Protein backbone atom coordinates (compact mmCIF):
# COMPACT_ATOMS: atom_id res chain seq x y z
CA MET A 1 0.00 0.00 0.00
CA CYS A 2 2.89 2.35 0.81
CA SER A 3 6.65 2.59 0.30
CA LEU A 4 9.65 4.03 2.13
CA SER A 5 12.48 5.84 0.35
CA GLN A 6 15.94 6.61 1.69
CA TYR A 7 14.70 10.11 2.53
CA GLY A 8 12.02 8.85 4.93
CA VAL A 9 9.17 9.68 2.59
CA TYR A 10 6.20 7.35 2.46
CA MET A 11 4.10 7.34 -0.72
CA PHE A 12 0.72 5.68 -0.78
CA ILE A 13 -2.68 5.66 -2.44
CA ALA A 14 -5.57 6.92 -0.31
CA VAL A 15 -9.17 6.04 -1.17
CA ASN A 16 -11.78 8.31 0.41
CA THR A 17 -15.55 7.90 0.29
CA SER A 18 -18.21 10.29 1.53
CA ARG A 19 -21.98 10.19 1.46
CA HIS A 20 -24.07 13.24 0.63
CA SER A 21 -27.30 13.97 2.48
CA SER A 22 -29.12 12.99 -0.73
CA GLY A 23 -27.63 9.50 -0.44
CA LYS A 24 -25.15 9.85 -3.31
CA VAL A 25 -21.70 8.37 -2.60
CA TYR A 26 -18.57 10.23 -3.72
CA ARG A 27 -15.22 8.43 -4.13
CA SER A 28 -11.77 9.94 -4.58
CA VAL A 29 -8.43 8.25 -5.17
CA LEU A 30 -5.36 10.30 -4.23
CA LEU A 31 -1.63 9.70 -4.54
CA ARG A 32 -0.20 11.07 -1.26
CA LYS A 33 3.11 11.23 0.56
CA SER A 34 3.80 11.19 4.29
CA TYR A 35 7.00 12.62 5.77
CA ARG A 36 8.40 13.72 9.14
CA GLU A 37 9.18 17.36 9.82
CA GLY A 38 10.88 17.55 13.17
CA LYS A 39 8.60 15.80 15.63
CA ASN A 40 5.53 16.24 13.41
CA VAL A 41 4.23 13.97 10.62
CA ARG A 42 3.09 15.85 7.52
CA LYS A 43 0.94 14.56 4.63
CA GLU A 44 0.70 16.03 1.17
CA THR A 45 -1.39 15.17 -1.89
CA ILE A 46 0.75 14.67 -4.98
CA ALA A 47 -1.91 13.79 -7.59
CA ASN A 48 -5.61 13.07 -7.96
CA LEU A 49 -5.99 9.59 -9.51
CA SER A 50 -9.79 9.49 -9.48
CA HIS A 51 -9.91 9.67 -13.26
CA CYS A 52 -7.62 6.63 -13.65
CA SER A 53 -8.92 3.13 -14.33
CA GLU A 54 -8.71 0.39 -11.70
CA ASP A 55 -6.00 -1.34 -13.75
CA GLU A 56 -3.86 1.80 -13.77
CA ILE A 57 -4.39 2.40 -10.04
CA ASN A 58 -3.47 -1.20 -9.21
CA LEU A 59 -0.31 -0.91 -11.31
CA ILE A 60 0.76 2.26 -9.46
CA ARG A 61 -0.07 0.65 -6.12
CA SER A 62 2.08 -2.38 -7.03
CA ALA A 63 4.98 -0.15 -8.05
CA LEU A 64 4.78 1.80 -4.77
CA LYS A 65 4.54 -1.34 -2.70
CA ASN A 66 7.75 -2.77 -4.17
CA LYS A 67 9.75 0.41 -4.53
CA THR A 68 13.24 0.27 -3.00
CA ASN A 69 15.62 2.95 -1.85
CA THR A 70 17.74 2.58 -5.02
CA ILE A 71 15.24 4.62 -7.03
CA ALA A 72 15.22 8.34 -6.74
CA SER A 73 12.01 9.87 -5.47
CA ASP A 74 11.52 11.93 -8.64
CA ARG A 75 11.35 8.93 -10.98
CA GLY A 76 7.99 8.17 -12.62
CA PHE A 77 6.47 6.30 -15.55
CA GLU A 78 3.98 6.73 -18.36
CA ILE A 79 1.42 4.22 -19.64
CA ILE A 80 1.15 4.24 -23.46
CA GLN A 81 -2.02 2.85 -25.01
CA GLY A 82 -1.38 -0.11 -27.31
CA ARG A 83 -3.37 -2.16 -29.80
CA SER A 84 -6.31 -4.33 -28.77
CA VAL A 85 -5.72 -8.03 -28.06
CA GLY A 86 -8.67 -9.03 -25.83
CA SER A 87 -11.33 -9.91 -28.41
CA VAL A 88 -8.71 -11.21 -30.85
CA TYR A 89 -7.29 -13.66 -28.34
CA VAL A 90 -10.76 -14.89 -27.33
CA ILE A 91 -11.63 -15.63 -30.97
CA TYR A 92 -8.26 -17.33 -31.48
CA ALA A 93 -8.69 -19.44 -28.32
CA ILE A 94 -12.15 -20.65 -29.45
CA ALA A 95 -10.82 -21.37 -32.96
CA LYS A 96 -8.06 -23.44 -31.37
CA ARG A 97 -10.55 -25.30 -29.18
CA LEU A 98 -12.81 -26.13 -32.14
CA GLY A 99 -9.88 -27.44 -34.15
CA ILE A 100 -10.03 -24.67 -36.76
CA VAL A 101 -6.44 -23.57 -36.15
CA ASP A 102 -5.13 -27.13 -36.53
CA ALA A 103 -7.33 -27.79 -39.57
CA LEU A 104 -5.93 -24.70 -41.34
CA GLY A 105 -2.32 -25.52 -40.47
CA SER A 106 0.64 -23.22 -39.93
CA SER A 107 1.50 -22.02 -43.44
CA PHE A 108 1.51 -18.37 -44.44
CA HIS A 109 -1.84 -18.72 -46.26
CA ALA A 110 -3.30 -20.56 -43.25
CA LYS A 111 -2.34 -17.64 -40.99
CA LEU A 112 -3.95 -15.21 -43.42
CA ALA A 113 -7.10 -17.34 -43.49
CA LEU A 114 -7.20 -17.14 -39.70
CA TRP A 115 -6.75 -13.37 -40.00
CA LEU A 116 -9.76 -13.24 -42.35
CA ILE A 117 -11.87 -15.29 -39.91
CA ILE A 118 -11.02 -12.99 -37.00
CA GLY A 119 -11.62 -9.94 -39.19
CA ARG A 120 -15.00 -11.28 -40.34
CA ILE A 121 -16.15 -11.56 -36.71
CA ILE A 122 -14.71 -8.29 -35.43
CA GLU A 123 -15.33 -5.94 -38.32
CA GLN A 124 -17.09 -7.21 -41.44
CA GLY A 125 -15.71 -5.74 -44.63
CA SER A 126 -13.61 -6.26 -47.72
CA ARG A 127 -10.16 -7.81 -47.96
CA LEU A 128 -8.70 -4.29 -48.13
CA SER A 129 -10.41 -3.31 -44.88
CA ALA A 130 -9.06 -6.50 -43.28
CA THR A 131 -5.50 -5.32 -43.90
CA ARG A 132 -6.27 -2.12 -41.97
CA LEU A 133 -7.24 -4.02 -38.83
CA ASP A 134 -3.56 -4.17 -37.94
CA SER A 135 -3.64 -0.51 -36.92
CA SER A 136 -6.16 -1.24 -34.14
CA TYR A 137 -5.77 -4.95 -33.35
CA ASP A 138 -2.59 -6.88 -32.60
CA ILE A 139 -3.76 -9.91 -34.59
CA ALA A 140 -0.31 -10.80 -35.91
CA SER A 141 1.15 -11.43 -32.44
CA VAL A 142 -1.82 -13.55 -31.40
CA ILE A 143 -1.84 -15.84 -34.46
CA GLY A 144 1.94 -15.88 -34.90
CA LEU A 145 2.06 -14.10 -38.26
CA LYS A 146 5.61 -12.85 -38.74
CA ARG A 147 5.41 -11.56 -42.34
CA GLY A 148 3.84 -8.47 -43.82
CA PHE A 149 1.07 -8.75 -46.39
CA ASP A 150 -1.41 -6.75 -48.46
CA GLU A 151 -4.92 -7.34 -49.84
CA ASN A 152 -3.53 -9.33 -52.79
CA ASN A 153 -2.13 -11.88 -50.34
CA LEU A 154 -5.60 -12.14 -48.74
CA TYR A 155 -7.16 -12.85 -52.15
CA ASP A 156 -4.52 -15.53 -52.69
CA SER A 157 -5.54 -16.93 -49.31
CA LEU A 158 -9.15 -17.26 -50.50
CA HIS A 159 -7.90 -19.32 -53.45
CA TRP A 160 -5.83 -21.43 -51.04
CA LEU A 161 -8.94 -22.02 -48.92
CA HIS A 162 -10.88 -23.22 -51.95
CA GLU A 163 -8.10 -25.63 -52.91
CA ASN A 164 -7.93 -27.02 -49.37
CA GLN A 165 -11.61 -26.83 -48.41
CA GLN A 166 -12.15 -30.59 -48.47
CA ASP A 167 -9.14 -31.26 -46.22
CA ILE A 168 -10.23 -28.52 -43.80
CA GLU A 169 -13.82 -29.79 -43.59
CA ASP A 170 -12.67 -33.40 -43.28
CA SER A 171 -10.31 -32.48 -40.43
CA LEU A 172 -13.10 -30.67 -38.58
CA PHE A 173 -15.55 -33.51 -39.20
CA LYS A 174 -13.23 -35.99 -37.47
CA ARG A 175 -13.63 -33.96 -34.25
CA LYS A 176 -17.43 -34.12 -34.38
CA LYS A 177 -19.78 -36.85 -33.20
CA LYS A 178 -19.10 -39.88 -35.37
CA SER A 179 -22.24 -41.58 -34.07
CA GLN A 180 -24.43 -38.79 -35.47
CA LYS A 181 -27.25 -40.35 -37.48
CA PHE A 182 -29.17 -37.22 -38.49
CA TYR A 183 -28.01 -34.50 -40.89
CA TRP A 184 -29.85 -31.37 -41.94
CA TYR A 185 -29.47 -29.71 -45.33
CA ASP A 186 -30.94 -26.47 -46.64
CA VAL A 187 -30.35 -23.98 -49.43
CA THR A 188 -30.34 -20.20 -49.62
CA SER A 189 -29.05 -17.53 -52.00
CA SER A 190 -27.02 -14.36 -51.76
CA TYR A 191 -26.93 -11.45 -54.14
CA LEU A 192 -23.79 -10.00 -55.70
CA GLU A 193 -22.68 -6.52 -56.70
CA GLY A 194 -21.62 -6.25 -60.33
CA ARG A 195 -21.94 -8.72 -63.17
CA TYR A 196 -18.59 -10.45 -63.35
CA ASN A 197 -18.66 -13.11 -60.66
CA GLU A 198 -18.07 -16.47 -62.31
CA LEU A 199 -20.88 -18.14 -60.32
CA SER A 200 -23.40 -15.33 -60.69
CA ALA A 201 -26.64 -15.77 -62.58
CA PHE A 202 -30.25 -14.68 -62.37
CA GLY A 203 -32.31 -17.06 -60.26
CA TYR A 204 -34.69 -17.24 -57.33
CA ASN A 205 -33.52 -14.27 -55.26
CA ARG A 206 -34.46 -14.89 -51.62
CA ASP A 207 -33.05 -11.47 -50.68
CA GLN A 208 -35.72 -9.78 -52.83
CA LYS A 209 -33.07 -7.71 -54.61
CA LYS A 210 -34.39 -6.83 -58.05
CA ARG A 211 -32.04 -7.02 -61.02
CA LYS A 212 -29.27 -8.54 -58.92
CA ARG A 213 -27.46 -11.70 -59.87
CA ILE A 214 -27.13 -14.33 -57.17
CA ILE A 215 -25.27 -17.44 -56.13
CA VAL A 216 -26.90 -20.47 -54.49
CA ILE A 217 -25.49 -21.67 -51.16
CA GLY A 218 -25.99 -25.13 -49.67
CA LEU A 219 -25.27 -25.78 -45.98
CA LEU A 220 -24.95 -29.26 -44.44
CA CYS A 221 -25.24 -29.45 -40.65
CA GLN A 222 -25.31 -31.80 -37.71
CA GLU A 223 -27.62 -31.36 -34.72
CA LYS A 224 -28.52 -27.84 -33.55
CA GLY A 225 -27.15 -26.32 -36.74
CA ASP A 226 -23.51 -27.31 -36.24
CA PRO A 227 -22.02 -26.72 -39.74
CA VAL A 228 -20.27 -29.59 -41.50
CA SER A 229 -19.84 -28.30 -45.04
CA ILE A 230 -20.76 -25.32 -47.20
CA GLU A 231 -20.91 -25.21 -50.97
CA ALA A 232 -21.56 -22.57 -53.62
CA PHE A 233 -23.51 -23.20 -56.83
CA LYS A 234 -24.25 -21.10 -59.88
CA GLY A 235 -27.14 -18.70 -59.34
CA ASN A 236 -29.54 -20.45 -61.73
CA THR A 237 -29.07 -23.87 -60.07
CA GLN A 238 -32.29 -25.44 -58.83
CA ASP A 239 -32.35 -26.46 -55.17
CA THR A 240 -32.85 -30.13 -56.01
CA GLN A 241 -29.75 -30.11 -58.26
CA THR A 242 -27.55 -29.38 -55.23
CA PHE A 243 -28.70 -32.47 -53.37
CA GLU A 244 -26.57 -35.28 -54.83
CA ASN A 245 -23.33 -33.45 -54.00
CA GLN A 246 -24.25 -33.64 -50.32
CA LEU A 247 -24.85 -37.38 -50.53
CA ASN A 248 -21.39 -37.84 -52.07
CA LYS A 249 -19.80 -35.88 -49.24
CA LEU A 250 -21.54 -37.89 -46.56
CA LYS A 251 -20.91 -41.26 -48.16
CA ILE A 252 -17.43 -40.93 -49.67
CA ARG A 253 -15.67 -38.18 -47.74
CA PHE A 254 -17.24 -38.58 -44.30
CA GLY A 255 -17.87 -42.32 -44.48
CA CYS A 256 -21.46 -42.13 -43.18
CA GLU A 257 -23.71 -45.19 -43.16
CA GLU A 258 -27.42 -45.57 -42.38
CA ILE A 259 -27.96 -41.86 -41.78
CA THR A 260 -31.07 -39.72 -42.22
CA ILE A 261 -31.13 -36.52 -44.30
CA ILE A 262 -33.66 -33.91 -43.19
CA CYS A 263 -34.63 -31.23 -45.71
CA ASP A 264 -37.27 -28.57 -46.15
CA ARG A 265 -40.27 -29.12 -48.42
CA GLY A 266 -39.49 -29.37 -52.11
CA LEU A 267 -35.86 -30.44 -51.76
CA ILE A 268 -36.49 -34.20 -51.66
CA ARG A 269 -38.63 -35.35 -54.56
CA GLU A 270 -38.93 -38.65 -56.39
CA LYS A 271 -35.50 -38.45 -58.02
CA GLN A 272 -33.84 -37.56 -54.71
CA LYS A 273 -35.63 -40.42 -52.92
CA LYS A 274 -34.22 -42.88 -55.45
CA LEU A 275 -30.73 -41.44 -54.90
CA LEU A 276 -31.13 -41.79 -51.13
CA LYS A 277 -32.09 -45.44 -51.52
CA LYS A 278 -29.06 -45.98 -53.77
CA TYR A 279 -26.74 -44.52 -51.10
CA GLY A 280 -28.44 -46.44 -48.29
CA PHE A 281 -29.69 -43.28 -46.56
CA HIS A 282 -33.07 -42.36 -45.07
CA TYR A 283 -35.00 -39.10 -45.30
CA ILE A 284 -37.45 -36.84 -43.50
CA THR A 285 -39.12 -33.97 -45.33
CA ALA A 286 -42.37 -32.01 -45.56
CA LEU A 287 -44.75 -32.00 -48.50
CA PRO A 288 -45.39 -28.80 -50.48
CA MET A 289 -48.99 -27.67 -50.85
CA PRO A 290 -49.58 -29.21 -54.35
CA GLN A 291 -48.67 -32.67 -52.99
CA ILE A 292 -50.88 -32.15 -49.93
CA THR A 293 -53.76 -31.21 -52.23
CA ALA A 294 -53.14 -34.33 -54.34
CA LEU A 295 -53.34 -36.56 -51.24
CA LEU A 296 -56.59 -34.88 -50.17
CA LYS A 297 -58.12 -35.27 -53.61
CA GLY A 298 -57.03 -38.90 -53.74
CA GLY A 299 -58.71 -39.57 -50.38
CA VAL A 300 -55.46 -40.69 -48.75
CA VAL A 301 -56.09 -38.21 -45.94
CA LYS A 302 -59.16 -36.14 -45.14
CA LEU A 303 -59.22 -32.52 -44.09
CA GLU A 304 -61.26 -33.32 -40.97
CA ASP A 305 -58.53 -35.74 -39.86
CA PHE A 306 -56.14 -32.84 -39.26
CA THR A 307 -56.05 -32.12 -35.52
CA ASP A 308 -53.38 -30.91 -33.14
CA GLU A 309 -52.52 -34.57 -32.49
CA LEU A 310 -49.81 -36.20 -34.59
CA LYS A 311 -51.19 -39.00 -36.78
CA SER A 312 -49.67 -41.22 -39.44
CA ILE A 313 -50.79 -43.30 -42.38
CA SER A 314 -49.04 -45.57 -44.89
CA HIS A 315 -49.76 -45.30 -48.60
CA GLU A 316 -47.89 -46.96 -51.47
CA ASN A 317 -45.02 -47.95 -49.18
CA ARG A 318 -44.75 -44.37 -47.96
CA ARG A 319 -45.37 -43.15 -44.44
CA TYR A 320 -47.09 -39.81 -43.93
CA ILE A 321 -47.29 -37.96 -40.60
CA TYR A 322 -49.80 -35.12 -40.38
CA ARG A 323 -51.30 -32.64 -37.95
CA ASN A 324 -52.85 -29.19 -37.67
CA ASN A 325 -50.92 -26.63 -35.68
CA PRO A 326 -53.59 -24.30 -34.20
CA GLU A 327 -51.05 -21.64 -33.24
CA ARG A 328 -49.67 -21.54 -36.76
CA ALA A 329 -53.24 -21.44 -38.13
CA LEU A 330 -54.06 -18.35 -36.05
CA GLU A 331 -50.79 -16.74 -37.05
CA THR A 332 -51.51 -17.37 -40.75
CA LYS A 333 -55.02 -15.93 -40.39
CA LYS A 334 -53.64 -12.82 -38.68
CA GLN A 335 -50.98 -12.34 -41.37
CA ARG A 336 -53.60 -12.69 -44.10
CA GLN A 337 -55.76 -10.02 -42.44
CA GLU A 338 -52.77 -7.70 -42.06
CA ARG A 339 -51.93 -8.06 -45.75
CA PHE A 340 -55.52 -7.27 -46.69
CA GLU A 341 -55.50 -4.16 -44.46
CA THR A 342 -52.26 -3.05 -46.13
CA ALA A 343 -53.91 -3.43 -49.54
CA GLN A 344 -56.91 -1.44 -48.31
CA ARG A 345 -54.68 1.43 -47.19
CA LYS A 346 -53.09 1.51 -50.65
CA VAL A 347 -56.56 1.65 -52.20
CA ASP A 348 -57.55 4.54 -49.93
CA GLN A 349 -54.42 6.44 -51.04
CA GLU A 350 -55.27 5.85 -54.70
CA ASN A 351 -58.88 6.97 -54.15
CA LEU A 352 -57.68 10.17 -52.49
CA ARG A 353 -55.48 10.85 -55.49
CA LEU A 354 -58.38 10.21 -57.89
CA ARG A 355 -60.57 12.67 -55.99
CA GLU A 356 -57.92 15.39 -55.88
CA ARG A 357 -56.79 15.03 -59.50
CA SER A 358 -59.55 15.15 -62.04
CA LYS A 359 -57.31 13.91 -64.84
CA ALA A 360 -56.04 10.88 -62.91
CA SER A 361 -56.98 7.57 -64.55
CA PRO A 362 -58.73 4.95 -62.37
CA TYR A 363 -57.57 2.24 -64.81
CA VAL A 364 -53.92 3.13 -64.20
CA ALA A 365 -54.59 3.18 -60.45
CA LYS A 366 -56.26 -0.25 -60.74
CA ARG A 367 -53.17 -1.71 -62.42
CA ARG A 368 -51.00 -0.38 -59.60
CA ILE A 369 -53.24 -1.99 -56.99
CA GLN A 370 -53.25 -5.31 -58.88
CA LYS A 371 -49.45 -5.36 -58.68
CA ILE A 372 -49.67 -4.69 -54.94
CA LEU A 373 -52.21 -7.51 -54.47
CA LYS A 374 -49.85 -9.89 -56.23
CA LYS A 375 -46.91 -8.71 -54.15
CA LEU A 376 -48.92 -9.22 -50.94
CA CYS A 377 -49.99 -12.72 -52.10
CA VAL A 378 -53.72 -11.97 -51.71
CA PHE A 379 -54.62 -11.75 -55.41
CA GLU A 380 -56.12 -15.28 -55.35
CA TRP A 381 -59.04 -14.19 -53.16
CA VAL A 382 -59.04 -10.38 -53.41
CA ASP A 383 -59.94 -8.40 -56.51
CA VAL A 384 -60.13 -4.66 -57.24
CA GLN A 385 -63.05 -3.04 -59.04
CA ILE A 386 -63.75 0.45 -60.39
CA VAL A 387 -66.98 1.92 -59.01
CA LYS A 388 -67.81 5.51 -60.09
CA LYS A 389 -64.15 6.42 -60.66
CA GLN A 390 -63.19 4.96 -57.27
CA LEU A 391 -61.48 1.69 -56.46
CA ALA A 392 -62.98 -0.96 -54.21
CA LEU A 393 -61.60 -4.27 -52.97
CA THR A 394 -63.83 -7.34 -53.13
CA ILE A 395 -63.28 -10.67 -51.39
CA ASP A 396 -64.19 -13.97 -52.98
CA GLU A 397 -65.46 -15.78 -49.90
CA ASP A 398 -65.40 -19.23 -51.53
CA LYS A 399 -61.76 -18.87 -52.53
CA LEU A 400 -60.86 -17.44 -49.13
CA LYS A 401 -62.53 -20.37 -47.39
CA ALA A 402 -60.72 -22.86 -49.62
CA LYS A 403 -57.44 -21.06 -48.97
CA SER A 404 -57.86 -20.89 -45.19
CA GLU A 405 -58.85 -24.56 -44.85
CA PHE A 406 -55.19 -25.51 -45.05
CA ASP A 407 -54.02 -23.02 -42.43
CA GLY A 408 -51.72 -24.81 -40.00
CA CYS A 409 -51.93 -28.12 -41.88
CA TYR A 410 -48.67 -30.00 -42.38
CA ILE A 411 -47.75 -33.40 -43.78
CA TRP A 412 -44.32 -34.96 -43.35
CA THR A 413 -43.05 -38.04 -45.10
CA THR A 414 -40.28 -40.52 -44.34
CA ASP A 415 -39.12 -44.01 -45.25
CA TRP A 416 -38.74 -44.95 -41.56
CA GLU A 417 -41.28 -47.35 -40.09
CA GLU A 418 -43.20 -46.18 -37.03
CA ALA A 419 -41.65 -48.97 -34.95
CA GLU A 420 -38.19 -47.57 -35.81
CA LEU A 421 -38.91 -43.84 -35.47
CA SER A 422 -42.03 -42.48 -33.75
CA ASN A 423 -44.27 -39.71 -35.07
CA ARG A 424 -43.03 -37.38 -32.33
CA GLU A 425 -39.37 -38.04 -33.23
CA ILE A 426 -40.07 -37.35 -36.91
CA TYR A 427 -41.79 -34.10 -35.98
CA GLU A 428 -39.06 -32.92 -33.59
CA ARG A 429 -36.24 -33.79 -35.99
CA TYR A 430 -37.88 -31.85 -38.79
CA LYS A 431 -38.39 -28.84 -36.52
CA ASP A 432 -34.63 -28.76 -35.94
CA LEU A 433 -34.30 -27.29 -39.44
CA LYS A 434 -34.83 -23.99 -37.62
CA TYR A 435 -31.18 -24.18 -36.51
CA VAL A 436 -30.02 -24.24 -40.13
CA GLU A 437 -32.26 -21.24 -40.81
CA ASP A 438 -30.65 -19.52 -37.82
CA ASP A 439 -27.24 -20.26 -39.38
CA PHE A 440 -28.31 -18.60 -42.62
CA ARG A 441 -29.67 -15.62 -40.68
CA SER A 442 -26.30 -15.24 -38.95
CA PHE A 443 -24.51 -15.56 -42.29
CA LYS A 444 -26.58 -12.94 -44.07
CA THR A 445 -27.19 -10.26 -41.43
CA THR A 446 -25.03 -7.98 -39.26
CA SER A 447 -23.20 -10.79 -37.43
CA LEU A 448 -21.10 -11.93 -40.41
CA GLU A 449 -22.52 -10.14 -43.47
CA ILE A 450 -21.85 -12.70 -46.19
CA ARG A 451 -23.68 -10.36 -48.58
CA PRO A 452 -23.18 -8.53 -50.79
CA ILE A 453 -20.34 -10.55 -52.29
CA PHE A 454 -17.75 -8.40 -54.04
CA VAL A 455 -15.27 -11.04 -55.23
CA ARG A 456 -15.27 -12.19 -58.85
CA SER A 457 -13.57 -15.55 -59.29
CA GLU A 458 -15.16 -18.88 -58.43
CA GLU A 459 -12.23 -19.75 -56.14
CA SER A 460 -12.49 -16.49 -54.18
CA THR A 461 -16.26 -16.91 -53.81
CA ARG A 462 -15.94 -20.43 -52.41
CA GLY A 463 -13.11 -19.34 -50.11
CA HIS A 464 -15.22 -16.43 -48.87
CA LEU A 465 -18.09 -18.79 -48.00
CA LEU A 466 -15.74 -21.09 -46.09
CA ILE A 467 -14.44 -18.11 -44.09
CA VAL A 468 -18.00 -17.21 -43.14
CA MET A 469 -18.82 -20.79 -42.10
CA LEU A 470 -15.72 -21.09 -39.90
CA ALA A 471 -16.42 -17.67 -38.36
CA HIS A 472 -19.98 -18.79 -37.67
CA MET A 473 -18.74 -21.88 -35.83
CA ILE A 474 -16.83 -19.58 -33.46
CA MET A 475 -19.84 -17.28 -33.08
CA ARG A 476 -22.07 -20.26 -32.18
CA GLU A 477 -19.67 -21.31 -29.44
CA LEU A 478 -19.51 -17.79 -28.00
CA ARG A 479 -23.28 -17.31 -28.25
CA GLU A 480 -23.91 -20.50 -26.33
CA ALA A 481 -21.33 -19.69 -23.63
CA TRP A 482 -22.60 -16.12 -23.15
CA ALA A 483 -26.30 -16.96 -23.36
CA ASN A 484 -26.90 -15.93 -19.72
CA PHE A 485 -25.28 -12.52 -20.15
CA ASP A 486 -27.34 -9.48 -21.00
CA LYS A 487 -25.18 -8.86 -24.07
CA THR A 488 -24.95 -9.95 -27.65
CA VAL A 489 -21.74 -11.63 -28.82
CA GLU A 490 -20.84 -8.45 -30.68
CA GLU A 491 -21.27 -6.34 -27.51
CA ALA A 492 -19.23 -8.77 -25.42
CA LEU A 493 -16.38 -8.81 -27.94
CA THR A 494 -16.43 -5.00 -28.06
CA GLU A 495 -16.07 -4.91 -24.29
CA LEU A 496 -13.16 -7.36 -24.36
CA SER A 497 -11.50 -5.33 -27.10
CA PHE A 498 -10.62 -2.71 -24.44
CA LEU A 499 -7.97 -5.15 -23.21
CA CYS A 500 -4.92 -3.76 -24.97
CA ARG A 501 -1.25 -4.54 -25.08
CA ASN A 502 -0.01 -1.37 -23.38
CA THR A 503 3.55 -0.12 -22.85
CA ILE A 504 4.89 1.24 -19.54
CA GLU A 505 7.72 3.67 -20.15
CA PHE A 506 9.80 4.57 -17.09
CA SER A 507 11.73 7.79 -16.68
CA ASN A 508 15.02 5.84 -16.75
CA GLY A 509 14.23 4.78 -20.34
CA GLN A 510 13.03 1.27 -19.62
CA ARG A 511 9.96 0.05 -21.57
CA VAL A 512 7.81 -2.90 -20.56
CA ASN A 513 4.81 -4.24 -22.51
CA CYS A 514 1.80 -5.43 -20.52
CA ILE A 515 -1.82 -6.53 -20.78
CA PRO A 516 -3.94 -5.17 -17.92
CA THR A 517 -5.83 -7.45 -15.55
CA PRO A 518 -9.45 -7.76 -16.84
CA ASN A 519 -12.09 -5.95 -14.81
CA ASP A 520 -14.92 -7.88 -13.16
CA LYS A 521 -17.21 -7.81 -16.21
CA MET A 522 -14.46 -8.91 -18.56
CA ALA A 523 -13.34 -11.60 -16.11
CA ALA A 524 -16.90 -12.99 -16.01
CA LEU A 525 -17.04 -13.18 -19.82
CA LEU A 526 -13.65 -14.92 -19.94
CA LYS A 527 -14.63 -17.36 -17.20
CA ALA A 528 -17.82 -18.32 -19.05
CA ILE A 529 -15.78 -19.45 -22.07
CA ASP A 530 -12.97 -20.89 -19.93
CA VAL A 531 -10.30 -18.61 -21.42
CA THR A 532 -7.45 -17.09 -19.43
CA MET A 533 -5.77 -13.89 -20.54
CA PRO A 534 -3.04 -13.76 -21.75
CA LYS A 535 -0.40 -16.33 -20.82
CA ASP A 536 -1.69 -18.80 -23.40
CA ILE A 537 -0.26 -16.67 -26.25
CA GLU A 538 3.27 -17.75 -26.98
CA GLU A 539 4.12 -14.58 -28.89
CA LEU A 540 2.84 -12.39 -26.07
CA LYS A 541 4.40 -14.23 -23.15
CA VAL A 542 7.49 -12.03 -23.14
CA ASN A 543 5.28 -8.95 -23.22
CA VAL A 544 2.90 -9.88 -20.41
CA VAL A 545 3.92 -8.18 -17.18
CA THR A 546 3.51 -10.09 -13.97
CA ARG A 547 3.75 -8.39 -10.60
CA GLN A 548 7.34 -9.63 -10.26
CA LYS A 549 8.31 -7.98 -13.56
CA VAL A 550 6.84 -4.69 -12.35
CA ARG A 551 8.91 -4.99 -9.20
CA ASN A 552 12.09 -5.64 -11.17
CA SER A 553 11.43 -2.73 -13.53
CA VAL A 554 10.75 -0.27 -10.72
CA ASN A 555 13.86 -1.46 -8.88
CA GLY A 556 15.86 -0.44 -11.96
């Protein structure tokens, strides 16, 4: 707490607290000295440290506690802010734990790939922006990168990732559950800027970006959305055409036997079922509405049989599980009403325009409303009419009734017998597709921002997708570990980024690098993911200051 110099001067840190009559507590931290003047003891305040952080105060307290009489009383030190290492090291530690670091290897391109993964999580952007991270984050020391590079090297790294994607995915797969018998597969798309990407084409744009070319992305996962493999396809590729590639991966590369593929409706059709039988795999999927209608018309199932209870029936060596979800039915009814109300508001706006502008054409206004009805997906049971130069919406009650009869009705199909896999298991396994959808949401929104894709070559595009998948694996691990904290993963990493590799410069010219002790909030985040800062980093070990090193430095 205090120190004694050869001149009989004690220096110490005094912490004072006082309570105001209003109940507010005031706290001051002062650097003071105590000395003897004749028979009297005098005290003097040297500096007010109230504005300093706890880490800085603790460092000064440690230096005072271990100060010896070999240092002159006028010697001091300065703390120089360094680059951030906290969030970088956490991401690196999780990548190491998941096997990503080992799967990439230790080559120059592997280190750059790891740089891209860390950059994708911390600050989404282009390859050029990734090179600028070095000014704020000490990534090179954490990952052991000892060479300089530019954005061209990062593009080369994307090509290297594409060339080694199979080896990387195979290495990561070996660490996963080998007894896993269920795999989930789904497809999405992502739009591109420009026209020159080698995989780009016009197709079904799920991002609703008009006049934008897209690529198709297939994601294969284990339970709870744990990614196994990601693959890019040309933008005009149909979803079903991506399916056989996944079977080859599972059978040949991963050596899977007797597994079950679970896909969303429309992905597994007759051709895909024959392929599954050829590979010795099983399937679980849902039927699209045209197939449900065909079963109803054929009398295989009846509409009145749909209840909230799971039921099953066998037909032509196929097993069908069906039920009506009342919550989903109410939700669908509410959404339909909201869409109709939106259309009505648009009609009211058009009518107001027709009243205010005598030359406005009701026929042109009608065409605009018809486009809106189609966009809102209500055109099947809602029509627009012109009545005395005003527009009016009409509802076809028979069509609306026929449309709403299927609200909440679902039919699933599988080649498993009920004795082997119950109706409830089929239902629950299919519902787990939501984890794959969560993966896509993480890919395509603010967490990782896979879109828009700016690269041009096929190799760079595939490498970019692999970077996003590996970054997502780390994000999943952090999200699960920090689930009980009132923070998003992004907020937690931002908080940890305040842990910097600082430099203490003493007045005698000595310089010592150090990483401050995490505060209580940071320590709780680190404890939740079982990561200790920072002695695990080989490159930073010589720069991490322990209390003994502070003592030695102060002693000169």
